[in-house]
């Protein structure tokens, strides 16, 4: 059975029954889960720890030019900004991982 990846170039479909393919598949997902765990941990720290647990001590610091307390800012806006940045970081990490494991969707997709 063949799979068309780019243009009219047929390629052989890899089988997970092959131990080498299964090992590459497992490594790909192991690294994907590691990336997600790291990024979600960062988001948890910023949104829950900074925005809730440490809000009072952080409120002693004011954001320059705005006068808003830092703990309030993390709870209201900071965690959202960090989440958006983490989405872009995840996209870059996964694009690199896809290229490394040759499962990239290509430039046209």
N, C-alpha and C. Protein backbone atom coordinates (compact mmCIF):
# COMPACT_ATOMS: atom_id res chain seq x y z
N UNK A 1 0.84 -1.17 0.00
CA UNK A 1 0.00 0.00 0.00
C UNK A 1 0.89 1.24 0.00
N UNK A 2 0.52 2.27 -0.72
CA UNK A 2 1.33 3.48 -0.79
C UNK A 2 0.56 4.66 -0.25
N UNK A 3 1.31 5.65 0.12
CA UNK A 3 0.73 6.88 0.64
C UNK A 3 1.35 8.03 -0.12
N UNK A 4 0.55 8.99 -0.56
CA UNK A 4 1.06 10.13 -1.31
C UNK A 4 1.30 11.28 -0.34
N UNK A 5 2.57 11.65 -0.19
CA UNK A 5 2.91 12.75 0.72
C UNK A 5 3.04 14.06 -0.01
N UNK A 6 3.86 14.09 -1.06
CA UNK A 6 4.06 15.35 -1.77
C UNK A 6 4.05 15.08 -3.26
N UNK A 7 3.22 15.81 -3.96
CA UNK A 7 3.16 15.66 -5.40
C UNK A 7 2.68 14.27 -5.79
N UNK A 8 3.34 13.70 -6.80
CA UNK A 8 2.95 12.37 -7.27
C UNK A 8 3.97 11.33 -6.85
N UNK A 9 4.73 11.62 -5.81
CA UNK A 9 5.80 10.76 -5.34
C UNK A 9 5.25 9.74 -4.35
N UNK A 10 5.02 8.47 -4.77
CA UNK A 10 4.50 7.48 -3.82
C UNK A 10 5.59 7.03 -2.85
N UNK A 11 5.21 6.84 -1.60
CA UNK A 11 6.14 6.35 -0.59
C UNK A 11 5.52 5.16 0.12
N UNK A 12 6.37 4.27 0.58
CA UNK A 12 5.90 3.09 1.29
C UNK A 12 5.37 3.47 2.67
N UNK A 13 4.25 2.93 3.04
CA UNK A 13 3.69 3.19 4.37
C UNK A 13 4.44 2.32 5.38
N UNK A 14 4.86 2.94 6.46
CA UNK A 14 5.62 2.22 7.47
C UNK A 14 4.65 1.48 8.39
N UNK A 15 5.07 0.32 8.84
CA UNK A 15 4.23 -0.50 9.71
C UNK A 15 4.75 -0.45 11.13
N UNK A 16 3.85 -0.33 12.09
CA UNK A 16 4.25 -0.34 13.50
C UNK A 16 4.70 -1.71 13.97
N UNK A 17 4.50 -2.73 13.12
CA UNK A 17 4.99 -4.07 13.45
C UNK A 17 6.51 -4.12 13.36
N UNK A 18 7.10 -3.23 12.57
CA UNK A 18 8.55 -3.14 12.45
C UNK A 18 9.10 -2.53 13.74
N UNK A 19 10.02 -3.21 14.45
CA UNK A 19 10.52 -2.70 15.74
C UNK A 19 11.19 -1.34 15.63
N UNK A 20 11.88 -1.07 14.54
CA UNK A 20 12.54 0.23 14.38
C UNK A 20 11.51 1.35 14.23
N UNK A 21 10.47 1.09 13.45
CA UNK A 21 9.40 2.07 13.27
C UNK A 21 8.66 2.28 14.58
N UNK A 22 8.39 1.22 15.30
CA UNK A 22 7.70 1.32 16.59
C UNK A 22 8.52 2.13 17.59
N UNK A 23 9.84 1.94 17.58
CA UNK A 23 10.72 2.69 18.49
C UNK A 23 10.71 4.18 18.14
N UNK A 24 10.76 4.50 16.84
CA UNK A 24 10.71 5.92 16.42
C UNK A 24 9.36 6.54 16.79
N UNK A 25 8.29 5.78 16.61
CA UNK A 25 6.95 6.25 16.95
C UNK A 25 6.86 6.54 18.45
N UNK A 26 7.37 5.62 19.25
CA UNK A 26 7.34 5.80 20.72
C UNK A 26 8.18 7.00 21.14
N UNK A 27 9.34 7.19 20.53
CA UNK A 27 10.20 8.33 20.87
C UNK A 27 9.53 9.65 20.48
N UNK A 28 8.88 9.67 19.33
CA UNK A 28 8.17 10.87 18.88
C UNK A 28 7.12 11.27 19.92
N UNK A 29 6.30 10.30 20.35
CA UNK A 29 5.24 10.62 21.31
C UNK A 29 5.78 10.91 22.70
N UNK A 30 6.88 10.26 23.07
CA UNK A 30 7.51 10.54 24.36
C UNK A 30 7.96 12.00 24.41
N UNK A 31 8.58 12.46 23.34
CA UNK A 31 9.04 13.85 23.31
C UNK A 31 7.88 14.83 23.21
N UNK A 32 6.83 14.48 22.47
CA UNK A 32 5.64 15.32 22.37
C UNK A 32 5.02 15.50 23.76
N UNK A 33 4.87 14.42 24.49
CA UNK A 33 4.29 14.50 25.84
C UNK A 33 5.20 15.28 26.77
N UNK A 34 6.52 15.13 26.63
CA UNK A 34 7.46 15.90 27.45
C UNK A 34 7.30 17.40 27.18
N UNK A 35 7.21 17.78 25.89
CA UNK A 35 7.00 19.20 25.55
C UNK A 35 5.71 19.71 26.17
N UNK A 36 4.63 18.95 26.03
CA UNK A 36 3.35 19.39 26.58
C UNK A 36 3.41 19.52 28.10
N UNK A 37 4.06 18.57 28.75
CA UNK A 37 4.19 18.63 30.20
C UNK A 37 4.95 19.86 30.67
N UNK A 38 6.05 20.17 29.98
CA UNK A 38 6.84 21.36 30.34
C UNK A 38 6.03 22.64 30.14
N UNK A 39 5.37 22.75 28.99
CA UNK A 39 4.63 23.97 28.69
C UNK A 39 3.41 24.13 29.60
N UNK A 40 2.72 23.04 29.89
CA UNK A 40 1.57 23.13 30.80
C UNK A 40 2.02 23.44 32.23
N UNK A 41 3.20 22.97 32.61
CA UNK A 41 3.74 23.30 33.94
C UNK A 41 4.03 24.79 34.04
N UNK A 42 4.59 25.36 32.99
CA UNK A 42 4.84 26.81 32.98
C UNK A 42 3.52 27.56 33.10
N UNK A 43 2.52 27.14 32.33
CA UNK A 43 1.23 27.81 32.38
C UNK A 43 0.60 27.68 33.76
N UNK A 44 0.72 26.50 34.39
CA UNK A 44 0.18 26.30 35.73
C UNK A 44 0.84 27.25 36.73
N UNK A 45 2.16 27.34 36.66
CA UNK A 45 2.88 28.22 37.60
C UNK A 45 2.45 29.66 37.41
N UNK A 46 2.38 30.11 36.16
CA UNK A 46 2.02 31.51 35.91
C UNK A 46 0.58 31.79 36.30
N UNK A 47 -0.35 30.91 35.91
CA UNK A 47 -1.75 31.22 36.15
C UNK A 47 -2.20 30.90 37.58
N UNK A 48 -1.81 29.75 38.11
CA UNK A 48 -2.30 29.36 39.43
C UNK A 48 -1.40 29.88 40.55
N UNK A 49 -0.11 29.63 40.42
CA UNK A 49 0.80 30.02 41.51
C UNK A 49 0.94 31.54 41.57
N UNK A 50 1.30 32.17 40.43
CA UNK A 50 1.48 33.63 40.44
C UNK A 50 0.15 34.36 40.56
N UNK A 51 -0.88 33.88 39.87
CA UNK A 51 -2.15 34.58 39.83
C UNK A 51 -3.04 34.37 41.03
N UNK A 52 -2.83 33.27 41.79
CA UNK A 52 -3.70 32.99 42.94
C UNK A 52 -2.90 32.87 44.23
N UNK A 53 -1.97 31.91 44.27
CA UNK A 53 -1.27 31.63 45.53
C UNK A 53 -0.32 32.77 45.94
N UNK A 54 0.38 33.35 44.99
CA UNK A 54 1.33 34.42 45.31
C UNK A 54 0.81 35.80 44.95
N UNK A 55 -0.48 35.93 44.75
CA UNK A 55 -1.05 37.22 44.33
C UNK A 55 -0.79 38.32 45.37
N UNK A 56 -1.00 38.02 46.63
CA UNK A 56 -0.80 39.05 47.67
C UNK A 56 0.64 39.55 47.74
N UNK A 57 1.65 38.64 47.83
CA UNK A 57 3.02 39.16 47.84
C UNK A 57 3.40 39.89 46.55
N UNK A 58 2.90 39.40 45.40
CA UNK A 58 3.22 40.07 44.14
C UNK A 58 2.53 41.42 44.01
N UNK A 59 1.43 41.62 44.73
CA UNK A 59 0.72 42.90 44.67
C UNK A 59 1.53 44.04 45.28
N UNK A 60 2.57 43.71 46.02
CA UNK A 60 3.45 44.75 46.57
C UNK A 60 4.25 45.42 45.46
N UNK A 61 4.38 44.74 44.33
CA UNK A 61 5.11 45.31 43.19
C UNK A 61 4.09 45.89 42.22
N UNK A 62 4.36 47.08 41.74
CA UNK A 62 3.47 47.73 40.77
C UNK A 62 4.11 47.69 39.39
N UNK A 63 3.27 47.46 38.36
CA UNK A 63 3.78 47.49 36.99
C UNK A 63 4.13 48.92 36.62
N UNK A 64 5.34 49.14 36.14
CA UNK A 64 5.75 50.51 35.78
C UNK A 64 4.85 51.09 34.70
N UNK A 65 4.49 52.34 34.87
CA UNK A 65 3.68 53.04 33.89
C UNK A 65 2.19 52.79 34.00
N UNK A 66 1.77 51.77 34.74
CA UNK A 66 0.34 51.48 34.85
C UNK A 66 -0.17 51.62 36.28
N UNK A 67 0.67 51.30 37.24
CA UNK A 67 0.24 51.34 38.63
C UNK A 67 -0.52 50.10 39.07
N UNK A 68 -0.73 49.14 38.16
CA UNK A 68 -1.44 47.92 38.53
C UNK A 68 -0.56 47.03 39.39
N UNK A 69 -1.13 46.40 40.41
CA UNK A 69 -0.37 45.42 41.19
C UNK A 69 -0.02 44.20 40.34
N UNK A 70 1.18 43.68 40.51
CA UNK A 70 1.67 42.58 39.68
C UNK A 70 0.83 41.31 39.85
N UNK A 71 0.41 40.99 41.07
CA UNK A 71 -0.43 39.81 41.29
C UNK A 71 -1.76 39.92 40.56
N UNK A 72 -2.35 41.09 40.60
CA UNK A 72 -3.60 41.34 39.88
C UNK A 72 -3.38 41.17 38.38
N UNK A 73 -2.26 41.71 37.86
CA UNK A 73 -1.97 41.61 36.43
C UNK A 73 -1.82 40.16 36.00
N UNK A 74 -1.09 39.35 36.79
CA UNK A 74 -0.94 37.93 36.45
C UNK A 74 -2.30 37.24 36.43
N UNK A 75 -3.16 37.55 37.38
CA UNK A 75 -4.47 36.90 37.45
C UNK A 75 -5.37 37.33 36.30
N UNK A 76 -5.29 38.58 35.89
CA UNK A 76 -6.22 39.10 34.88
C UNK A 76 -5.70 38.99 33.45
N UNK A 77 -4.42 39.28 33.24
CA UNK A 77 -3.92 39.31 31.87
C UNK A 77 -2.67 38.48 31.65
N UNK A 78 -1.81 38.42 32.63
CA UNK A 78 -0.52 37.77 32.45
C UNK A 78 -0.62 36.31 32.06
N UNK A 79 -1.52 35.58 32.70
CA UNK A 79 -1.64 34.16 32.38
C UNK A 79 -2.17 33.96 30.96
N UNK A 80 -3.01 34.85 30.48
CA UNK A 80 -3.51 34.76 29.11
C UNK A 80 -2.39 35.04 28.13
N UNK A 81 -1.59 36.08 28.37
CA UNK A 81 -0.46 36.38 27.49
C UNK A 81 0.52 35.22 27.45
N UNK A 82 0.81 34.66 28.60
CA UNK A 82 1.75 33.53 28.65
C UNK A 82 1.17 32.35 27.89
N UNK A 83 -0.12 32.09 28.02
CA UNK A 83 -0.75 30.99 27.30
C UNK A 83 -0.61 31.16 25.79
N UNK A 84 -0.84 32.37 25.29
CA UNK A 84 -0.72 32.63 23.85
C UNK A 84 0.72 32.42 23.40
N UNK A 85 1.69 32.89 24.18
CA UNK A 85 3.10 32.70 23.83
C UNK A 85 3.42 31.20 23.83
N UNK A 86 2.90 30.46 24.81
CA UNK A 86 3.15 29.02 24.87
C UNK A 86 2.57 28.28 23.67
N UNK A 87 1.48 28.76 23.12
CA UNK A 87 0.93 28.15 21.90
C UNK A 87 1.93 28.27 20.76
N UNK A 88 2.51 29.45 20.60
CA UNK A 88 3.50 29.65 19.53
C UNK A 88 4.76 28.83 19.78
N UNK A 89 5.18 28.74 21.03
CA UNK A 89 6.35 27.92 21.37
C UNK A 89 6.06 26.45 21.04
N UNK A 90 4.87 25.97 21.37
CA UNK A 90 4.50 24.59 21.08
C UNK A 90 4.51 24.33 19.57
N UNK A 91 4.00 25.27 18.79
CA UNK A 91 3.99 25.11 17.33
C UNK A 91 5.41 24.99 16.81
N UNK A 92 6.31 25.84 17.28
CA UNK A 92 7.71 25.76 16.82
C UNK A 92 8.36 24.45 17.23
N UNK A 93 8.14 24.04 18.47
CA UNK A 93 8.71 22.78 18.93
C UNK A 93 8.20 21.60 18.12
N UNK A 94 6.90 21.57 17.87
CA UNK A 94 6.32 20.44 17.14
C UNK A 94 6.71 20.46 15.67
N UNK A 95 6.84 21.63 15.06
CA UNK A 95 7.31 21.68 13.68
C UNK A 95 8.72 21.12 13.58
N UNK A 96 9.58 21.46 14.54
CA UNK A 96 10.93 20.90 14.56
C UNK A 96 10.92 19.40 14.79
N UNK A 97 10.08 18.94 15.69
CA UNK A 97 9.98 17.50 15.97
C UNK A 97 9.44 16.75 14.75
N UNK A 98 8.44 17.33 14.09
CA UNK A 98 7.90 16.71 12.88
C UNK A 98 8.95 16.59 11.79
N UNK A 99 9.74 17.64 11.61
CA UNK A 99 10.82 17.58 10.61
C UNK A 99 11.85 16.54 10.99
N UNK A 100 12.21 16.49 12.27
CA UNK A 100 13.21 15.54 12.73
C UNK A 100 12.78 14.09 12.49
N UNK A 101 11.50 13.81 12.69
CA UNK A 101 10.99 12.45 12.54
C UNK A 101 10.35 12.22 11.17
N UNK A 102 10.50 13.19 10.28
CA UNK A 102 10.01 13.11 8.90
C UNK A 102 8.51 12.83 8.84
N UNK A 103 7.75 13.52 9.65
CA UNK A 103 6.29 13.42 9.60
C UNK A 103 5.68 14.81 9.36
N UNK A 104 6.52 15.70 8.81
CA UNK A 104 6.08 17.06 8.54
C UNK A 104 4.97 17.07 7.51
N UNK A 105 4.04 18.00 7.65
CA UNK A 105 2.93 18.12 6.71
C UNK A 105 3.37 18.86 5.45
N UNK A 106 4.57 19.37 5.43
CA UNK A 106 5.06 20.06 4.24
C UNK A 106 4.79 21.54 4.31
N UNK A 107 5.37 22.24 3.37
CA UNK A 107 5.25 23.69 3.33
C UNK A 107 3.87 24.16 2.83
N UNK A 108 3.25 23.39 1.94
CA UNK A 108 1.98 23.79 1.36
C UNK A 108 0.79 23.56 2.25
N UNK A 109 0.92 22.75 3.29
CA UNK A 109 -0.22 22.42 4.14
C UNK A 109 -0.40 23.43 5.23
